[in-house]
mmCIF file of all heavy atoms, coordinates in Angstrom:
data_MODEL
# 
_entry.id   MODEL 
# 
loop_
_atom_site.group_PDB 
_atom_site.id 
_atom_site.type_symbol 
_atom_site.label_atom_id 
_atom_site.label_alt_id 
_atom_site.label_comp_id 
_atom_site.label_asym_id 
_atom_site.label_entity_id 
_atom_site.label_seq_id 
_atom_site.pdbx_PDB_ins_code 
_atom_site.Cartn_x 
_atom_site.Cartn_y 
_atom_site.Cartn_z 
_atom_site.occupancy 
_atom_site.B_iso_or_equiv 
_atom_site.pdbx_formal_charge 
_atom_site.auth_seq_id 
_atom_site.auth_comp_id 
_atom_site.auth_asym_id 
_atom_site.auth_atom_id 
_atom_site.pdbx_PDB_model_num 
ATOM 1   N N   . MET A 1 1  ? -3.158  55.069 65.883 1.00 0.00 ? 1  MET A N   1 
ATOM 2   C CA  . MET A 1 1  ? -3.914  54.050 66.578 1.00 0.00 ? 1  MET A CA  1 
ATOM 3   C C   . MET A 1 1  ? -3.341  52.675 66.184 1.00 0.00 ? 1  MET A C   1 
ATOM 4   O O   . MET A 1 1  ? -3.090  52.421 65.022 1.00 0.00 ? 1  MET A O   1 
ATOM 5   C CB  . MET A 1 1  ? -5.387  54.165 66.169 1.00 0.00 ? 1  MET A CB  1 
ATOM 6   C CG  . MET A 1 1  ? -6.326  53.458 67.112 1.00 0.00 ? 1  MET A CG  1 
ATOM 7   S SD  . MET A 1 1  ? -8.067  53.622 66.660 1.00 0.00 ? 1  MET A SD  1 
ATOM 8   C CE  . MET A 1 1  ? -8.459  55.244 67.248 1.00 0.00 ? 1  MET A CE  1 
ATOM 9   N N   . SER A 1 2  ? -3.152  51.809 67.150 1.00 0.00 ? 2  SER A N   1 
ATOM 10  C CA  . SER A 1 2  ? -2.562  50.501 66.872 1.00 0.00 ? 2  SER A CA  1 
ATOM 11  C C   . SER A 1 2  ? -3.569  49.593 66.165 1.00 0.00 ? 2  SER A C   1 
ATOM 12  O O   . SER A 1 2  ? -4.781  49.818 66.212 1.00 0.00 ? 2  SER A O   1 
ATOM 13  C CB  . SER A 1 2  ? -2.102  49.840 68.164 1.00 0.00 ? 2  SER A CB  1 
ATOM 14  O OG  . SER A 1 2  ? -3.205  49.368 68.896 1.00 0.00 ? 2  SER A OG  1 
ATOM 15  N N   . LYS A 1 3  ? -3.055  48.554 65.513 1.00 0.00 ? 3  LYS A N   1 
ATOM 16  C CA  . LYS A 1 3  ? -3.924  47.611 64.811 1.00 0.00 ? 3  LYS A CA  1 
ATOM 17  C C   . LYS A 1 3  ? -4.850  46.890 65.784 1.00 0.00 ? 3  LYS A C   1 
ATOM 18  O O   . LYS A 1 3  ? -6.004  46.621 65.466 1.00 0.00 ? 3  LYS A O   1 
ATOM 19  C CB  . LYS A 1 3  ? -3.088  46.593 64.041 1.00 0.00 ? 3  LYS A CB  1 
ATOM 20  C CG  . LYS A 1 3  ? -2.426  47.174 62.822 1.00 0.00 ? 3  LYS A CG  1 
ATOM 21  C CD  . LYS A 1 3  ? -1.693  46.107 62.052 1.00 0.00 ? 3  LYS A CD  1 
ATOM 22  C CE  . LYS A 1 3  ? -1.124  46.689 60.783 1.00 0.00 ? 3  LYS A CE  1 
ATOM 23  N NZ  . LYS A 1 3  ? -0.544  45.657 59.922 1.00 0.00 ? 3  LYS A NZ  1 
ATOM 24  N N   . ILE A 1 4  ? -4.357  46.605 66.971 1.00 0.00 ? 4  ILE A N   1 
ATOM 25  C CA  . ILE A 1 4  ? -5.177  45.930 67.978 1.00 0.00 ? 4  ILE A CA  1 
ATOM 26  C C   . ILE A 1 4  ? -6.360  46.813 68.361 1.00 0.00 ? 4  ILE A C   1 
ATOM 27  O O   . ILE A 1 4  ? -7.503  46.358 68.425 1.00 0.00 ? 4  ILE A O   1 
ATOM 28  C CB  . ILE A 1 4  ? -4.328  45.553 69.205 1.00 0.00 ? 4  ILE A CB  1 
ATOM 29  C CG1 . ILE A 1 4  ? -3.338  44.459 68.814 1.00 0.00 ? 4  ILE A CG1 1 
ATOM 30  C CG2 . ILE A 1 4  ? -5.199  45.117 70.366 1.00 0.00 ? 4  ILE A CG2 1 
ATOM 31  C CD1 . ILE A 1 4  ? -2.336  44.115 69.877 1.00 0.00 ? 4  ILE A CD1 1 
ATOM 32  N N   . THR A 1 5  ? -6.092  48.083 68.584 1.00 0.00 ? 5  THR A N   1 
ATOM 33  C CA  . THR A 1 5  ? -7.155  49.030 68.935 1.00 0.00 ? 5  THR A CA  1 
ATOM 34  C C   . THR A 1 5  ? -8.153  49.168 67.789 1.00 0.00 ? 5  THR A C   1 
ATOM 35  O O   . THR A 1 5  ? -9.368  49.217 68.021 1.00 0.00 ? 5  THR A O   1 
ATOM 36  C CB  . THR A 1 5  ? -6.560  50.407 69.288 1.00 0.00 ? 5  THR A CB  1 
ATOM 37  O OG1 . THR A 1 5  ? -5.590  50.236 70.312 1.00 0.00 ? 5  THR A OG1 1 
ATOM 38  C CG2 . THR A 1 5  ? -7.625  51.372 69.752 1.00 0.00 ? 5  THR A CG2 1 
ATOM 39  N N   . LEU A 1 6  ? -7.648  49.220 66.542 1.00 0.00 ? 6  LEU A N   1 
ATOM 40  C CA  . LEU A 1 6  ? -8.542  49.313 65.391 1.00 0.00 ? 6  LEU A CA  1 
ATOM 41  C C   . LEU A 1 6  ? -9.480  48.109 65.316 1.00 0.00 ? 6  LEU A C   1 
ATOM 42  O O   . LEU A 1 6  ? -10.675 48.252 65.060 1.00 0.00 ? 6  LEU A O   1 
ATOM 43  C CB  . LEU A 1 6  ? -7.737  49.407 64.089 1.00 0.00 ? 6  LEU A CB  1 
ATOM 44  C CG  . LEU A 1 6  ? -7.070  50.741 63.786 1.00 0.00 ? 6  LEU A CG  1 
ATOM 45  C CD1 . LEU A 1 6  ? -6.156  50.611 62.579 1.00 0.00 ? 6  LEU A CD1 1 
ATOM 46  C CD2 . LEU A 1 6  ? -8.108  51.815 63.557 1.00 0.00 ? 6  LEU A CD2 1 
ATOM 47  N N   . LEU A 1 7  ? -8.935  46.912 65.552 1.00 0.00 ? 7  LEU A N   1 
ATOM 48  C CA  . LEU A 1 7  ? -9.762  45.703 65.536 1.00 0.00 ? 7  LEU A CA  1 
ATOM 49  C C   . LEU A 1 7  ? -10.822 45.735 66.628 1.00 0.00 ? 7  LEU A C   1 
ATOM 50  O O   . LEU A 1 7  ? -11.999 45.454 66.377 1.00 0.00 ? 7  LEU A O   1 
ATOM 51  C CB  . LEU A 1 7  ? -8.890  44.460 65.737 1.00 0.00 ? 7  LEU A CB  1 
ATOM 52  C CG  . LEU A 1 7  ? -8.235  43.867 64.519 1.00 0.00 ? 7  LEU A CG  1 
ATOM 53  C CD1 . LEU A 1 7  ? -7.336  42.706 64.924 1.00 0.00 ? 7  LEU A CD1 1 
ATOM 54  C CD2 . LEU A 1 7  ? -9.261  43.406 63.520 1.00 0.00 ? 7  LEU A CD2 1 
ATOM 55  N N   . ILE A 1 8  ? -10.405 46.063 67.839 1.00 0.00 ? 8  ILE A N   1 
ATOM 56  C CA  . ILE A 1 8  ? -11.336 46.100 68.969 1.00 0.00 ? 8  ILE A CA  1 
ATOM 57  C C   . ILE A 1 8  ? -12.455 47.110 68.703 1.00 0.00 ? 8  ILE A C   1 
ATOM 58  O O   . ILE A 1 8  ? -13.630 46.813 68.918 1.00 0.00 ? 8  ILE A O   1 
ATOM 59  C CB  . ILE A 1 8  ? -10.588 46.412 70.288 1.00 0.00 ? 8  ILE A CB  1 
ATOM 60  C CG1 . ILE A 1 8  ? -9.699  45.227 70.667 1.00 0.00 ? 8  ILE A CG1 1 
ATOM 61  C CG2 . ILE A 1 8  ? -11.559 46.743 71.403 1.00 0.00 ? 8  ILE A CG2 1 
ATOM 62  C CD1 . ILE A 1 8  ? -8.755  45.481 71.826 1.00 0.00 ? 8  ILE A CD1 1 
ATOM 63  N N   . GLU A 1 9  ? -12.109 48.290 68.219 1.00 0.00 ? 9  GLU A N   1 
ATOM 64  C CA  . GLU A 1 9  ? -13.111 49.330 67.943 1.00 0.00 ? 9  GLU A CA  1 
ATOM 65  C C   . GLU A 1 9  ? -14.040 48.921 66.805 1.00 0.00 ? 9  GLU A C   1 
ATOM 66  O O   . GLU A 1 9  ? -15.246 49.145 66.879 1.00 0.00 ? 9  GLU A O   1 
ATOM 67  C CB  . GLU A 1 9  ? -12.434 50.667 67.621 1.00 0.00 ? 9  GLU A CB  1 
ATOM 68  C CG  . GLU A 1 9  ? -11.797 51.321 68.821 1.00 0.00 ? 9  GLU A CG  1 
ATOM 69  C CD  . GLU A 1 9  ? -12.792 51.612 69.931 1.00 0.00 ? 9  GLU A CD  1 
ATOM 70  O OE1 . GLU A 1 9  ? -13.877 52.161 69.654 1.00 0.00 ? 9  GLU A OE1 1 
ATOM 71  O OE2 . GLU A 1 9  ? -12.496 51.253 71.088 1.00 0.00 ? 9  GLU A OE2 1 
ATOM 72  N N   . HIS A 1 10 ? -13.497 48.308 65.749 1.00 0.00 ? 10 HIS A N   1 
ATOM 73  C CA  . HIS A 1 10 ? -14.338 47.870 64.628 1.00 0.00 ? 10 HIS A CA  1 
ATOM 74  C C   . HIS A 1 10 ? -15.356 46.833 65.102 1.00 0.00 ? 10 HIS A C   1 
ATOM 75  O O   . HIS A 1 10 ? -16.539 46.926 64.769 1.00 0.00 ? 10 HIS A O   1 
ATOM 76  C CB  . HIS A 1 10 ? -13.492 47.284 63.499 1.00 0.00 ? 10 HIS A CB  1 
ATOM 77  C CG  . HIS A 1 10 ? -14.313 46.656 62.426 1.00 0.00 ? 10 HIS A CG  1 
ATOM 78  N ND1 . HIS A 1 10 ? -15.017 47.397 61.498 1.00 0.00 ? 10 HIS A ND1 1 
ATOM 79  C CD2 . HIS A 1 10 ? -14.580 45.353 62.155 1.00 0.00 ? 10 HIS A CD2 1 
ATOM 80  C CE1 . HIS A 1 10 ? -15.677 46.571 60.704 1.00 0.00 ? 10 HIS A CE1 1 
ATOM 81  N NE2 . HIS A 1 10 ? -15.422 45.323 61.077 1.00 0.00 ? 10 HIS A NE2 1 
ATOM 82  N N   . LEU A 1 11 ? -14.908 45.857 65.866 1.00 0.00 ? 11 LEU A N   1 
ATOM 83  C CA  . LEU A 1 11 ? -15.812 44.810 66.336 1.00 0.00 ? 11 LEU A CA  1 
ATOM 84  C C   . LEU A 1 11 ? -16.880 45.374 67.268 1.00 0.00 ? 11 LEU A C   1 
ATOM 85  O O   . LEU A 1 11 ? -18.036 44.955 67.237 1.00 0.00 ? 11 LEU A O   1 
ATOM 86  C CB  . LEU A 1 11 ? -15.024 43.701 67.026 1.00 0.00 ? 11 LEU A CB  1 
ATOM 87  C CG  . LEU A 1 11 ? -14.138 42.894 66.078 1.00 0.00 ? 11 LEU A CG  1 
ATOM 88  C CD1 . LEU A 1 11 ? -13.188 42.015 66.861 1.00 0.00 ? 11 LEU A CD1 1 
ATOM 89  C CD2 . LEU A 1 11 ? -14.982 42.069 65.140 1.00 0.00 ? 11 LEU A CD2 1 
ATOM 90  N N   . LYS A 1 12 ? -16.482 46.349 68.081 1.00 0.00 ? 12 LYS A N   1 
ATOM 91  C CA  . LYS A 1 12 ? -17.438 46.969 68.997 1.00 0.00 ? 12 LYS A CA  1 
ATOM 92  C C   . LYS A 1 12 ? -18.484 47.779 68.223 1.00 0.00 ? 12 LYS A C   1 
ATOM 93  O O   . LYS A 1 12 ? -19.677 47.681 68.496 1.00 0.00 ? 12 LYS A O   1 
ATOM 94  C CB  . LYS A 1 12 ? -16.689 47.874 69.975 1.00 0.00 ? 12 LYS A CB  1 
ATOM 95  C CG  . LYS A 1 12 ? -17.514 48.303 71.161 1.00 0.00 ? 12 LYS A CG  1 
ATOM 96  C CD  . LYS A 1 12 ? -16.761 49.256 72.066 1.00 0.00 ? 12 LYS A CD  1 
ATOM 97  C CE  . LYS A 1 12 ? -15.551 48.615 72.689 1.00 0.00 ? 12 LYS A CE  1 
ATOM 98  N NZ  . LYS A 1 12 ? -14.868 49.514 73.635 1.00 0.00 ? 12 LYS A NZ  1 
ATOM 99  N N   . ASN A 1 13 ? -18.039 48.551 67.239 1.00 0.00 ? 13 ASN A N   1 
ATOM 100 C CA  . ASN A 1 13 ? -18.953 49.433 66.507 1.00 0.00 ? 13 ASN A CA  1 
ATOM 101 C C   . ASN A 1 13 ? -19.788 48.700 65.457 1.00 0.00 ? 13 ASN A C   1 
ATOM 102 O O   . ASN A 1 13 ? -20.970 48.980 65.311 1.00 0.00 ? 13 ASN A O   1 
ATOM 103 C CB  . ASN A 1 13 ? -18.170 50.562 65.835 1.00 0.00 ? 13 ASN A CB  1 
ATOM 104 C CG  . ASN A 1 13 ? -17.521 51.486 66.841 1.00 0.00 ? 13 ASN A CG  1 
ATOM 105 O OD1 . ASN A 1 13 ? -18.005 51.634 67.956 1.00 0.00 ? 13 ASN A OD1 1 
ATOM 106 N ND2 . ASN A 1 13 ? -16.405 52.079 66.474 1.00 0.00 ? 13 ASN A ND2 1 
ATOM 107 N N   . ALA A 1 14 ? -19.190 47.777 64.737 1.00 0.00 ? 14 ALA A N   1 
ATOM 108 C CA  . ALA A 1 14 ? -19.888 47.129 63.628 1.00 0.00 ? 14 ALA A CA  1 
ATOM 109 C C   . ALA A 1 14 ? -20.685 45.896 64.051 1.00 0.00 ? 14 ALA A C   1 
ATOM 110 O O   . ALA A 1 14 ? -21.693 45.570 63.441 1.00 0.00 ? 14 ALA A O   1 
ATOM 111 C CB  . ALA A 1 14 ? -18.892 46.748 62.536 1.00 0.00 ? 14 ALA A CB  1 
ATOM 112 N N   . HIS A 1 15 ? -20.225 45.205 65.095 1.00 0.00 ? 15 HIS A N   1 
ATOM 113 C CA  . HIS A 1 15 ? -20.850 43.935 65.457 1.00 0.00 ? 15 HIS A CA  1 
ATOM 114 C C   . HIS A 1 15 ? -21.318 43.863 66.915 1.00 0.00 ? 15 HIS A C   1 
ATOM 115 O O   . HIS A 1 15 ? -21.772 42.815 67.358 1.00 0.00 ? 15 HIS A O   1 
ATOM 116 C CB  . HIS A 1 15 ? -19.870 42.775 65.203 1.00 0.00 ? 15 HIS A CB  1 
ATOM 117 C CG  . HIS A 1 15 ? -19.459 42.669 63.774 1.00 0.00 ? 15 HIS A CG  1 
ATOM 118 N ND1 . HIS A 1 15 ? -20.252 42.088 62.822 1.00 0.00 ? 15 HIS A ND1 1 
ATOM 119 C CD2 . HIS A 1 15 ? -18.340 43.085 63.127 1.00 0.00 ? 15 HIS A CD2 1 
ATOM 120 C CE1 . HIS A 1 15 ? -19.637 42.132 61.658 1.00 0.00 ? 15 HIS A CE1 1 
ATOM 121 N NE2 . HIS A 1 15 ? -18.478 42.748 61.813 1.00 0.00 ? 15 HIS A NE2 1 
ATOM 122 N N   . ASN A 1 16 ? -21.169 44.951 67.672 1.00 0.00 ? 16 ASN A N   1 
ATOM 123 C CA  . ASN A 1 16 ? -21.525 44.962 69.100 1.00 0.00 ? 16 ASN A CA  1 
ATOM 124 C C   . ASN A 1 16 ? -20.822 43.836 69.854 1.00 0.00 ? 16 ASN A C   1 
ATOM 125 O O   . ASN A 1 16 ? -21.402 43.205 70.733 1.00 0.00 ? 16 ASN A O   1 
ATOM 126 C CB  . ASN A 1 16 ? -23.036 44.851 69.315 1.00 0.00 ? 16 ASN A CB  1 
ATOM 127 C CG  . ASN A 1 16 ? -23.750 46.128 68.975 1.00 0.00 ? 16 ASN A CG  1 
ATOM 128 O OD1 . ASN A 1 16 ? -23.198 47.207 69.111 1.00 0.00 ? 16 ASN A OD1 1 
ATOM 129 N ND2 . ASN A 1 16 ? -24.977 46.015 68.520 1.00 0.00 ? 16 ASN A ND2 1 
ATOM 130 N N   . LEU A 1 17 ? -19.576 43.559 69.482 1.00 0.00 ? 17 LEU A N   1 
ATOM 131 C CA  . LEU A 1 17 ? -18.828 42.467 70.087 1.00 0.00 ? 17 LEU A CA  1 
ATOM 132 C C   . LEU A 1 17 ? -17.652 43.029 70.878 1.00 0.00 ? 17 LEU A C   1 
ATOM 133 O O   . LEU A 1 17 ? -16.872 43.833 70.373 1.00 0.00 ? 17 LEU A O   1 
ATOM 134 C CB  . LEU A 1 17 ? -18.313 41.514 69.003 1.00 0.00 ? 17 LEU A CB  1 
ATOM 135 C CG  . LEU A 1 17 ? -17.719 40.217 69.517 1.00 0.00 ? 17 LEU A CG  1 
ATOM 136 C CD1 . LEU A 1 17 ? -18.831 39.289 70.022 1.00 0.00 ? 17 LEU A CD1 1 
ATOM 137 C CD2 . LEU A 1 17 ? -16.921 39.521 68.435 1.00 0.00 ? 17 LEU A CD2 1 
ATOM 138 N N   . ILE A 1 18 ? -17.544 42.603 72.120 1.00 0.00 ? 18 ILE A N   1 
ATOM 139 C CA  . ILE A 1 18 ? -16.441 43.018 72.980 1.00 0.00 ? 18 ILE A CA  1 
ATOM 140 C C   . ILE A 1 18 ? -15.439 41.879 73.036 1.00 0.00 ? 18 ILE A C   1 
ATOM 141 O O   . ILE A 1 18 ? -15.785 40.742 73.370 1.00 0.00 ? 18 ILE A O   1 
ATOM 142 C CB  . ILE A 1 18 ? -16.936 43.332 74.404 1.00 0.00 ? 18 ILE A CB  1 
ATOM 143 C CG1 . ILE A 1 18 ? -17.949 44.474 74.386 1.00 0.00 ? 18 ILE A CG1 1 
ATOM 144 C CG2 . ILE A 1 18 ? -15.762 43.666 75.316 1.00 0.00 ? 18 ILE A CG2 1 
ATOM 145 C CD1 . ILE A 1 18 ? -18.651 44.690 75.718 1.00 0.00 ? 18 ILE A CD1 1 
ATOM 146 N N   . ILE A 1 19 ? -14.183 42.188 72.668 1.00 0.00 ? 19 ILE A N   1 
ATOM 147 C CA  . ILE A 1 19 ? -13.107 41.209 72.810 1.00 0.00 ? 19 ILE A CA  1 
ATOM 148 C C   . ILE A 1 19 ? -11.953 41.876 73.557 1.00 0.00 ? 19 ILE A C   1 
ATOM 149 O O   . ILE A 1 19 ? -11.857 43.098 73.608 1.00 0.00 ? 19 ILE A O   1 
ATOM 150 C CB  . ILE A 1 19 ? -12.603 40.655 71.459 1.00 0.00 ? 19 ILE A CB  1 
ATOM 151 C CG1 . ILE A 1 19 ? -11.958 41.754 70.613 1.00 0.00 ? 19 ILE A CG1 1 
ATOM 152 C CG2 . ILE A 1 19 ? -13.719 39.957 70.708 1.00 0.00 ? 19 ILE A CG2 1 
ATOM 153 C CD1 . ILE A 1 19 ? -11.179 41.230 69.435 1.00 0.00 ? 19 ILE A CD1 1 
ATOM 154 N N   . GLY A 1 20 ? -11.089 41.070 74.123 1.00 0.00 ? 20 GLY A N   1 
ATOM 155 C CA  . GLY A 1 20 ? -9.939  41.588 74.841 1.00 0.00 ? 20 GLY A CA  1 
ATOM 156 C C   . GLY A 1 20 ? -8.724  41.751 73.934 1.00 0.00 ? 20 GLY A C   1 
ATOM 157 O O   . GLY A 1 20 ? -8.746  41.372 72.766 1.00 0.00 ? 20 GLY A O   1 
ATOM 158 N N   . GLU A 1 21 ? -7.669  42.305 74.498 1.00 0.00 ? 21 GLU A N   1 
ATOM 159 C CA  . GLU A 1 21 ? -6.448  42.536 73.734 1.00 0.00 ? 21 GLU A CA  1 
ATOM 160 C C   . GLU A 1 21 ? -5.804  41.237 73.276 1.00 0.00 ? 21 GLU A C   1 
ATOM 161 O O   . GLU A 1 21 ? -5.289  41.165 72.160 1.00 0.00 ? 21 GLU A O   1 
ATOM 162 C CB  . GLU A 1 21 ? -5.455  43.352 74.561 1.00 0.00 ? 21 GLU A CB  1 
ATOM 163 C CG  . GLU A 1 21 ? -5.838  44.810 74.665 1.00 0.00 ? 21 GLU A CG  1 
ATOM 164 C CD  . GLU A 1 21 ? -4.745  45.646 75.311 1.00 0.00 ? 21 GLU A CD  1 
ATOM 165 O OE1 . GLU A 1 21 ? -3.553  45.275 75.203 1.00 0.00 ? 21 GLU A OE1 1 
ATOM 166 O OE2 . GLU A 1 21 ? -5.097  46.665 75.921 1.00 0.00 ? 21 GLU A OE2 1 
ATOM 167 N N   . LYS A 1 22 ? -5.824  40.204 74.107 1.00 0.00 ? 22 LYS A N   1 
ATOM 168 C CA  . LYS A 1 22 ? -5.230  38.914 73.729 1.00 0.00 ? 22 LYS A CA  1 
ATOM 169 C C   . LYS A 1 22 ? -5.971  38.306 72.543 1.00 0.00 ? 22 LYS A C   1 
ATOM 170 O O   . LYS A 1 22 ? -5.352  37.768 71.630 1.00 0.00 ? 22 LYS A O   1 
ATOM 171 C CB  . LYS A 1 22 ? -5.225  37.931 74.903 1.00 0.00 ? 22 LYS A CB  1 
ATOM 172 C CG  . LYS A 1 22 ? -4.266  38.285 75.986 1.00 0.00 ? 22 LYS A CG  1 
ATOM 173 C CD  . LYS A 1 22 ? -2.849  37.996 75.520 1.00 0.00 ? 22 LYS A CD  1 
ATOM 174 C CE  . LYS A 1 22 ? -1.902  38.231 76.673 1.00 0.00 ? 22 LYS A CE  1 
ATOM 175 N NZ  . LYS A 1 22 ? -0.522  38.141 76.279 1.00 0.00 ? 22 LYS A NZ  1 
ATOM 176 N N   . SER A 1 23 ? -7.293  38.391 72.561 1.00 0.00 ? 23 SER A N   1 
ATOM 177 C CA  . SER A 1 23 ? -8.081  37.881 71.435 1.00 0.00 ? 23 SER A CA  1 
ATOM 178 C C   . SER A 1 23 ? -7.771  38.661 70.164 1.00 0.00 ? 23 SER A C   1 
ATOM 179 O O   . SER A 1 23 ? -7.667  38.088 69.079 1.00 0.00 ? 23 SER A O   1 
ATOM 180 C CB  . SER A 1 23 ? -9.575  37.966 71.731 1.00 0.00 ? 23 SER A CB  1 
ATOM 181 O OG  . SER A 1 23 ? -9.918  37.115 72.785 1.00 0.00 ? 23 SER A OG  1 
ATOM 182 N N   . ALA A 1 24 ? -7.618  39.967 70.287 1.00 0.00 ? 24 ALA A N   1 
ATOM 183 C CA  . ALA A 1 24 ? -7.285  40.806 69.131 1.00 0.00 ? 24 ALA A CA  1 
ATOM 184 C C   . ALA A 1 24 ? -5.890  40.458 68.601 1.00 0.00 ? 24 ALA A C   1 
ATOM 185 O O   . ALA A 1 24 ? -5.685  40.415 67.390 1.00 0.00 ? 24 ALA A O   1 
ATOM 186 C CB  . ALA A 1 24 ? -7.367  42.283 69.505 1.00 0.00 ? 24 ALA A CB  1 
ATOM 187 N N   . GLU A 1 25 ? -4.951  40.178 69.499 1.00 0.00 ? 25 GLU A N   1 
ATOM 188 C CA  . GLU A 1 25 ? -3.605  39.777 69.070 1.00 0.00 ? 25 GLU A CA  1 
ATOM 189 C C   . GLU A 1 25 ? -3.651  38.456 68.300 1.00 0.00 ? 25 GLU A C   1 
ATOM 190 O O   . GLU A 1 25 ? -3.003  38.308 67.263 1.00 0.00 ? 25 GLU A O   1 
ATOM 191 C CB  . GLU A 1 25 ? -2.678  39.628 70.275 1.00 0.00 ? 25 GLU A CB  1 
ATOM 192 C CG  . GLU A 1 25 ? -2.256  40.941 70.884 1.00 0.00 ? 25 GLU A CG  1 
ATOM 193 C CD  . GLU A 1 25 ? -1.427  40.755 72.157 1.00 0.00 ? 25 GLU A CD  1 
ATOM 194 O OE1 . GLU A 1 25 ? -0.971  39.625 72.422 1.00 0.00 ? 25 GLU A OE1 1 
ATOM 195 O OE2 . GLU A 1 25 ? -1.234  41.752 72.861 1.00 0.00 ? 25 GLU A OE2 1 
ATOM 196 N N   . ARG A 1 26 ? -4.425  37.485 68.809 1.00 0.00 ? 26 ARG A N   1 
ATOM 197 C CA  . ARG A 1 26 ? -4.560  36.203 68.106 1.00 0.00 ? 26 ARG A CA  1 
ATOM 198 C C   . ARG A 1 26 ? -5.232  36.394 66.750 1.00 0.00 ? 26 ARG A C   1 
ATOM 199 O O   . ARG A 1 26 ? -4.853  35.762 65.761 1.00 0.00 ? 26 ARG A O   1 
ATOM 200 C CB  . ARG A 1 26 ? -5.341  35.208 68.957 1.00 0.00 ? 26 ARG A CB  1 
ATOM 201 C CG  . ARG A 1 26 ? -4.524  34.620 70.088 1.00 0.00 ? 26 ARG A CG  1 
ATOM 202 C CD  . ARG A 1 26 ? -5.199  33.420 70.725 1.00 0.00 ? 26 ARG A CD  1 
ATOM 203 N NE  . ARG A 1 26 ? -6.527  33.721 71.258 1.00 0.00 ? 26 ARG A NE  1 
ATOM 204 C CZ  . ARG A 1 26 ? -6.761  34.157 72.485 1.00 0.00 ? 26 ARG A CZ  1 
ATOM 205 N NH1 . ARG A 1 26 ? -5.770  34.334 73.330 1.00 0.00 ? 26 ARG A NH1 1 
ATOM 206 N NH2 . ARG A 1 26 ? -7.986  34.401 72.888 1.00 0.00 ? 26 ARG A NH2 1 
# 
């Protein structure tokens, strides 16, 4: 699993926050 995907999934599961791939890259 890529680091971007790990970040997106963590934020979704732990904080109920949806971010896009560009935000995860930044």
